[in-house]
Amino acid sequence: MSIRLPRIAHIASSKKVPKGYFAVYVGENQKRFVIPVSFLNQPSFQDLLGMSEEFGYSHPTGGLTIPCNEDLFVDVTSQLN
C-alpha cells in the first residue's frame, strides 16, 4: 500500500517547476521535492527553513537545501494544507 501526497512531489527527472511551486533538496542524498509556495507561511515549514539558515539557502541547481531527514520533511509537509 502506498500513501499519496497530493501537495508535494519527488521529481528527479524534470527540472521544471510549475508556477506556484518551488524546489527543495532534502537529506543527505539531496532528494528533490517540489512544494507549493504557500508552505512558506506555515510555522512548521518555517522551522524547517530555520535548519537551512546555518548552511545557506542556495543549491547548485537553484533550489533550496533543507538539511533534515527525508522522513521528517515528508511528515511535516504532509500535515500542511
Protein backbone atom coordinates (compact mmCIF):
# COMPACT_ATOMS: atom_id res chain seq x y z
CA MET A 1 0.00 0.00 0.00
CA SER A 2 1.37 3.42 -0.89
CA ILE A 3 0.49 6.79 0.57
CA ARG A 4 -0.15 9.59 -1.90
CA LEU A 5 0.93 13.10 -1.01
CA PRO A 6 -1.03 15.35 -3.34
CA ARG A 7 0.69 18.60 -2.43
CA ILE A 8 4.35 17.62 -2.72
CA ALA A 9 6.16 15.62 -5.30
CA HIS A 10 9.54 13.99 -5.60
CA ILE A 11 10.65 14.95 -9.08
CA ALA A 12 14.03 13.63 -10.10
CA SER A 13 13.70 13.56 -13.86
CA SER A 14 12.31 17.02 -14.58
CA LYS A 15 13.95 20.29 -13.63
CA LYS A 16 10.84 22.34 -14.43
CA VAL A 17 8.91 23.72 -11.50
CA PRO A 18 5.22 24.58 -12.01
CA LYS A 19 4.04 28.11 -11.26
CA GLY A 20 3.23 28.50 -7.58
CA TYR A 21 5.75 25.84 -6.50
CA PHE A 22 9.46 25.71 -5.72
CA ALA A 23 12.13 23.04 -5.46
CA VAL A 24 13.82 21.94 -2.26
CA TYR A 25 16.58 19.40 -1.73
CA VAL A 26 16.28 17.33 1.42
CA GLY A 27 18.53 14.98 3.37
CA GLU A 28 21.95 13.52 2.84
CA ASN A 29 21.13 12.36 -0.69
CA GLN A 30 19.65 15.75 -1.67
CA LYS A 31 16.32 14.26 -2.71
CA ARG A 32 14.39 16.84 -4.75
CA PHE A 33 10.83 17.79 -3.81
CA VAL A 34 8.58 20.35 -5.48
CA ILE A 35 6.27 22.02 -2.99
CA PRO A 36 3.71 24.85 -3.03
CA VAL A 37 4.92 28.34 -2.12
CA SER A 38 2.01 28.52 0.34
CA PHE A 39 4.09 26.32 2.66
CA LEU A 40 6.33 29.33 3.29
CA ASN A 41 3.59 30.81 5.50
CA GLN A 42 3.30 27.71 7.69
CA PRO A 43 5.11 27.83 11.09
CA SER A 44 6.19 24.18 10.92
CA PHE A 45 7.74 24.72 7.48
CA GLN A 46 9.41 27.88 8.73
CA ASP A 47 11.04 25.71 11.41
CA LEU A 48 12.49 23.53 8.64
CA LEU A 49 13.78 26.68 6.92
CA GLY A 50 15.47 27.66 10.17
CA MET A 51 17.53 24.48 9.89
CA SER A 52 18.75 25.69 6.49
CA GLU A 53 19.81 29.09 7.70
CA GLU A 54 23.14 27.99 9.16
CA PHE A 55 24.08 26.15 5.96
CA GLY A 56 22.92 28.78 3.48
CA TYR A 57 19.91 28.60 1.25
CA SER A 58 21.35 28.00 -2.18
CA HIS A 59 21.69 24.75 -4.10
CA PRO A 60 23.80 24.36 -7.26
CA THR A 61 20.69 23.72 -9.36
CA GLY A 62 18.76 26.69 -7.99
CA GLY A 63 16.65 25.04 -5.28
CA LEU A 64 16.64 25.38 -1.54
CA THR A 65 18.58 22.88 0.60
CA ILE A 66 16.95 21.68 3.83
CA PRO A 67 19.36 19.57 5.91
CA CYS A 68 16.84 17.37 7.68
CA ASN A 69 15.89 13.72 7.45
CA GLU A 70 13.66 12.97 4.45
CA ASP A 71 11.11 11.21 6.67
CA LEU A 72 10.83 14.28 8.91
CA PHE A 73 10.35 16.50 5.87
CA VAL A 74 7.58 14.28 4.47
CA ASP A 75 5.90 14.06 7.91
CA VAL A 76 5.87 17.85 8.30
CA THR A 77 4.78 18.71 4.77
CA SER A 78 2.09 16.02 4.63
CA GLN A 79 0.33 17.80 7.51
CA LEU A 80 0.28 21.19 5.76
CA ASN A 81 -2.68 22.49 3.79
